[in-house]
């Protein structure tokens, strides 16, 4: 948190506090993947193990939380395990597509499609998510309301971190006094949150979030 003050003919900046939270752009990208892409790649499907019907292990699709983690599955041992799951799966076509993602290193391509969708949502209430990779063909409309719902828990954590920082540094009352209405205070917090998710609310310029910054200050 930085305070800007005008001193004579210049503006001075003073650091007055900071806080960190391990939530950034990749987390929001993952929410889109988890809702739109993963179900078509086998997430939530079942496979037969001897005389039991079991869910596909969650850790495979959880790896989409960081696109580069998918590369860790591109080993002979993991490929063989996924091939066994494909043979035992009740939805083998979906597991086959997940295998294609691993074999062809398509994780980055998926994240790029997600990023394009987020950019479109910064200027519109709805956007088309389009992904065409081999046999994977996804076209789905995503609304800003969908996105807000998927990341609601992450946003709540960020808001709580911002509020805690304001309280600790004793800035809550200063902001309330400087702003003309409660709505303006909410806008301040909303802007701080938007800068972390890489999607600007209507009327704000889009803030670019670095997925490499894992503990940036609000």
Protein backbone atom coordinates (compact mmCIF):
# COMPACT_ATOMS: atom_id res chain seq x y z
CA UNK A 1 0.00 0.00 0.00
CA UNK A 2 1.40 3.38 -1.02
CA UNK A 3 0.33 6.87 0.03
CA UNK A 4 0.73 9.59 -2.59
CA UNK A 5 1.08 13.19 -1.41
CA UNK A 6 1.60 16.41 -3.29
CA UNK A 7 4.55 18.35 -1.92
CA UNK A 8 5.12 21.71 -3.58
CA UNK A 9 5.40 20.91 -7.29
CA UNK A 10 5.99 17.18 -6.98
CA UNK A 11 4.16 14.06 -5.88
CA UNK A 12 5.81 11.96 -3.17
CA UNK A 13 5.10 8.26 -2.65
CA UNK A 14 5.45 6.62 0.75
CA UNK A 15 5.09 2.91 1.44
CA UNK A 16 2.81 2.44 4.44
CA UNK A 17 2.09 -1.29 4.48
CA UNK A 18 1.92 -4.55 2.61
CA UNK A 19 0.22 -7.94 2.72
CA UNK A 20 0.57 -11.13 0.72
CA UNK A 21 -1.79 -13.83 -0.50
CA UNK A 22 -0.98 -16.81 -2.73
CA UNK A 23 -3.71 -16.05 -5.25
CA UNK A 24 -2.94 -14.72 -8.72
CA UNK A 25 -3.85 -14.97 -12.40
CA UNK A 26 -3.20 -18.70 -12.76
CA UNK A 27 -5.73 -19.44 -10.02
CA UNK A 28 -8.48 -17.61 -11.91
CA UNK A 29 -7.47 -19.28 -15.17
CA UNK A 30 -7.75 -22.63 -13.45
CA UNK A 31 -11.33 -21.88 -12.38
CA UNK A 32 -12.31 -21.46 -16.04
CA UNK A 33 -10.48 -24.63 -17.04
CA UNK A 34 -12.04 -26.56 -14.18
CA UNK A 35 -15.55 -25.50 -15.21
CA UNK A 36 -15.28 -25.53 -19.01
CA UNK A 37 -12.43 -27.81 -20.10
CA UNK A 38 -11.73 -30.48 -17.48
CA UNK A 39 -15.23 -32.09 -17.56
CA UNK A 40 -14.62 -32.85 -21.25
CA UNK A 41 -11.23 -34.38 -20.43
CA UNK A 42 -12.51 -36.90 -17.91
CA UNK A 43 -12.93 -34.92 -14.71
CA UNK A 44 -15.74 -36.42 -12.63
CA UNK A 45 -15.91 -39.61 -14.69
CA UNK A 46 -15.70 -43.17 -13.35
CA UNK A 47 -13.61 -46.24 -14.00
CA UNK A 48 -13.98 -49.90 -13.14
CA UNK A 49 -11.49 -51.46 -10.72
CA UNK A 50 -12.08 -55.21 -10.30
CA UNK A 51 -15.63 -55.25 -8.89
CA UNK A 52 -15.83 -51.57 -7.93
CA UNK A 53 -16.74 -48.37 -9.75
CA UNK A 54 -14.44 -45.55 -8.66
CA UNK A 55 -13.97 -41.87 -9.57
CA UNK A 56 -10.99 -40.86 -11.67
CA UNK A 57 -8.20 -39.62 -9.33
CA UNK A 58 -8.57 -35.87 -8.86
CA UNK A 59 -4.87 -35.04 -8.93
CA UNK A 60 -4.68 -35.41 -12.72
CA UNK A 61 -7.10 -32.57 -13.43
CA UNK A 62 -5.96 -30.57 -10.40
CA UNK A 63 -2.63 -30.25 -12.22
CA UNK A 64 -4.29 -27.69 -14.50
CA UNK A 65 -3.87 -25.24 -11.62
CA UNK A 66 -0.40 -24.62 -13.09
CA UNK A 67 -0.13 -25.41 -16.78
CA UNK A 68 3.54 -26.37 -16.57
CA UNK A 69 2.69 -29.09 -14.01
CA UNK A 70 1.05 -31.09 -16.78
CA UNK A 71 4.49 -31.73 -18.22
CA UNK A 72 5.30 -33.79 -15.13
CA UNK A 73 2.81 -36.40 -16.32
CA UNK A 74 4.69 -36.88 -19.58
CA UNK A 75 6.71 -39.79 -18.26
CA UNK A 76 6.44 -43.46 -19.27
CA UNK A 77 5.06 -44.40 -15.84
CA UNK A 78 2.33 -41.75 -15.85
CA UNK A 79 1.41 -42.41 -19.47
CA UNK A 80 1.02 -46.13 -18.74
CA UNK A 81 -1.17 -45.36 -15.72
CA UNK A 82 -3.39 -43.05 -17.79
CA UNK A 83 -3.63 -45.67 -20.52
CA UNK A 84 -4.79 -48.19 -17.91
CA UNK A 85 -7.38 -45.68 -16.71
CA UNK A 86 -8.51 -45.17 -20.29
CA UNK A 87 -9.07 -48.91 -20.76
CA UNK A 88 -10.99 -49.16 -17.47
CA UNK A 89 -12.86 -45.88 -17.83
CA UNK A 90 -16.60 -45.66 -18.37
CA UNK A 91 -15.83 -42.59 -20.53
CA UNK A 92 -12.67 -43.67 -22.39
CA UNK A 93 -13.00 -41.01 -25.10
CA UNK A 94 -12.60 -38.26 -22.50
CA UNK A 95 -9.52 -39.85 -20.92
CA UNK A 96 -8.09 -40.28 -24.42
CA UNK A 97 -8.39 -36.52 -24.95
CA UNK A 98 -6.67 -35.86 -21.62
CA UNK A 99 -3.86 -38.15 -22.78
CA UNK A 100 -3.60 -36.12 -25.99
CA UNK A 101 -3.11 -32.96 -23.91
CA UNK A 102 -0.27 -34.61 -22.00
CA UNK A 103 1.43 -36.19 -25.01
CA UNK A 104 1.28 -33.03 -27.12
CA UNK A 105 2.14 -30.51 -24.38
CA UNK A 106 -1.11 -28.61 -24.96
CA UNK A 107 -1.31 -27.13 -21.47
CA UNK A 108 0.01 -23.77 -22.63
CA UNK A 109 -2.45 -23.70 -25.55
CA UNK A 110 -5.35 -24.20 -23.14
CA UNK A 111 -4.15 -21.38 -20.88
CA UNK A 112 -3.78 -19.09 -23.89
CA UNK A 113 -7.42 -19.76 -24.86
CA UNK A 114 -8.45 -18.96 -21.29
CA UNK A 115 -6.44 -15.73 -21.35
CA UNK A 116 -8.12 -14.66 -24.59
CA UNK A 117 -11.52 -15.24 -22.99
CA UNK A 118 -10.62 -13.13 -19.94
CA UNK A 119 -9.50 -10.27 -22.17
CA UNK A 120 -12.83 -10.37 -24.03
CA UNK A 121 -14.76 -10.39 -20.75
CA UNK A 122 -13.00 -7.19 -19.73
CA UNK A 123 -14.89 -5.37 -22.47
CA UNK A 124 -18.10 -7.39 -22.67
CA UNK A 125 -20.54 -9.27 -20.49
CA UNK A 126 -20.15 -12.44 -22.54
CA UNK A 127 -17.39 -14.10 -24.54
CA UNK A 128 -16.92 -17.27 -26.54
CA UNK A 129 -14.39 -19.76 -25.21
CA UNK A 130 -12.91 -21.55 -28.23
CA UNK A 131 -10.44 -24.42 -28.05
CA UNK A 132 -9.56 -26.66 -30.98
CA UNK A 133 -6.70 -29.11 -30.43
CA UNK A 134 -6.76 -32.42 -32.27
CA UNK A 135 -10.01 -34.19 -31.31
CA UNK A 136 -10.70 -31.56 -28.64
CA UNK A 137 -13.27 -29.12 -29.98
CA UNK A 138 -14.83 -26.79 -27.40
CA UNK A 139 -16.99 -23.77 -28.15
CA UNK A 140 -18.89 -22.38 -25.20
CA UNK A 141 -20.22 -19.00 -24.23
CA UNK A 142 -18.88 -17.77 -20.90
CA UNK A 143 -20.52 -14.85 -19.15
CA UNK A 144 -18.93 -12.44 -16.74
CA UNK A 145 -21.46 -13.70 -14.17
CA UNK A 146 -20.16 -17.26 -14.70
CA UNK A 147 -16.59 -16.12 -14.13
CA UNK A 148 -17.50 -14.11 -11.04
CA UNK A 149 -19.24 -17.15 -9.58
CA UNK A 150 -16.32 -19.49 -10.27
CA UNK A 151 -13.79 -17.21 -8.57
CA UNK A 152 -16.07 -16.00 -5.76
CA UNK A 153 -14.12 -17.76 -2.99
CA UNK A 154 -10.78 -16.45 -4.28
CA UNK A 155 -12.19 -12.92 -4.46
CA UNK A 156 -13.49 -13.19 -0.91
CA UNK A 157 -10.01 -14.15 0.32
CA UNK A 158 -8.46 -11.18 -1.48
CA UNK A 159 -11.07 -8.77 -0.13
CA UNK A 160 -10.47 -10.03 3.39
CA UNK A 161 -6.71 -9.55 2.95
CA UNK A 162 -7.22 -5.99 1.67
CA UNK A 163 -9.61 -5.15 4.51
CA UNK A 164 -7.25 -6.62 7.12
CA UNK A 165 -4.37 -4.55 5.73
CA UNK A 166 -6.46 -1.37 5.83
CA UNK A 167 -7.45 -2.09 9.42
CA UNK A 168 -3.90 -2.93 10.53
CA UNK A 169 -2.50 0.23 8.99
CA UNK A 170 -5.42 2.31 10.27
CA UNK A 171 -6.40 3.41 6.80
CA UNK A 172 -10.02 2.28 6.76
CA UNK A 173 -11.37 5.53 8.22
CA UNK A 174 -9.06 7.61 6.01
CA UNK A 175 -10.43 6.00 2.88
CA UNK A 176 -14.01 6.32 4.11
CA UNK A 177 -13.46 10.03 4.79
CA UNK A 178 -11.70 10.69 1.51
CA UNK A 179 -14.38 8.91 -0.51
CA UNK A 180 -17.71 10.57 -0.99
CA UNK A 181 -19.89 7.51 -0.38
CA UNK A 182 -19.89 3.86 0.73
CA UNK A 183 -20.15 2.98 -2.96
CA UNK A 184 -16.82 4.74 -3.57
CA UNK A 185 -15.19 2.71 -0.79
CA UNK A 186 -16.52 -0.47 -2.36
CA UNK A 187 -15.11 0.67 -5.71
CA UNK A 188 -11.69 1.14 -4.13
CA UNK A 189 -11.70 -2.40 -2.81
CA UNK A 190 -13.12 -3.72 -6.08
CA UNK A 191 -10.30 -2.08 -8.03
CA UNK A 192 -7.72 -3.64 -5.69
CA UNK A 193 -9.29 -7.06 -6.19
CA UNK A 194 -9.53 -6.63 -9.97
CA UNK A 195 -5.82 -5.92 -10.22
CA UNK A 196 -5.18 -9.41 -8.82
CA UNK A 197 -7.51 -11.32 -11.13
CA UNK A 198 -6.56 -9.67 -14.43
CA UNK A 199 -10.17 -8.72 -15.21
CA UNK A 200 -11.36 -5.15 -14.80
CA UNK A 201 -14.90 -4.32 -13.71
CA UNK A 202 -16.87 -2.22 -16.17
CA UNK A 203 -15.52 1.32 -16.23
CA UNK A 204 -12.04 0.39 -15.01
CA UNK A 205 -9.03 -0.12 -17.20
CA UNK A 206 -7.94 -3.74 -17.29
CA UNK A 207 -5.09 -4.46 -14.88
CA UNK A 208 -2.59 -7.01 -16.06
CA UNK A 209 -1.88 -9.71 -13.48
CA UNK A 210 1.45 -11.51 -13.47
CA UNK A 211 0.96 -15.22 -12.96
CA UNK A 212 4.51 -15.39 -11.69
CA UNK A 213 3.79 -13.06 -8.79
CA UNK A 214 2.62 -15.50 -6.14
CA UNK A 215 2.62 -13.12 -3.21
CA UNK A 216 2.17 -9.61 -4.51
CA UNK A 217 0.85 -6.84 -2.33
CA UNK A 218 -2.82 -5.89 -2.77
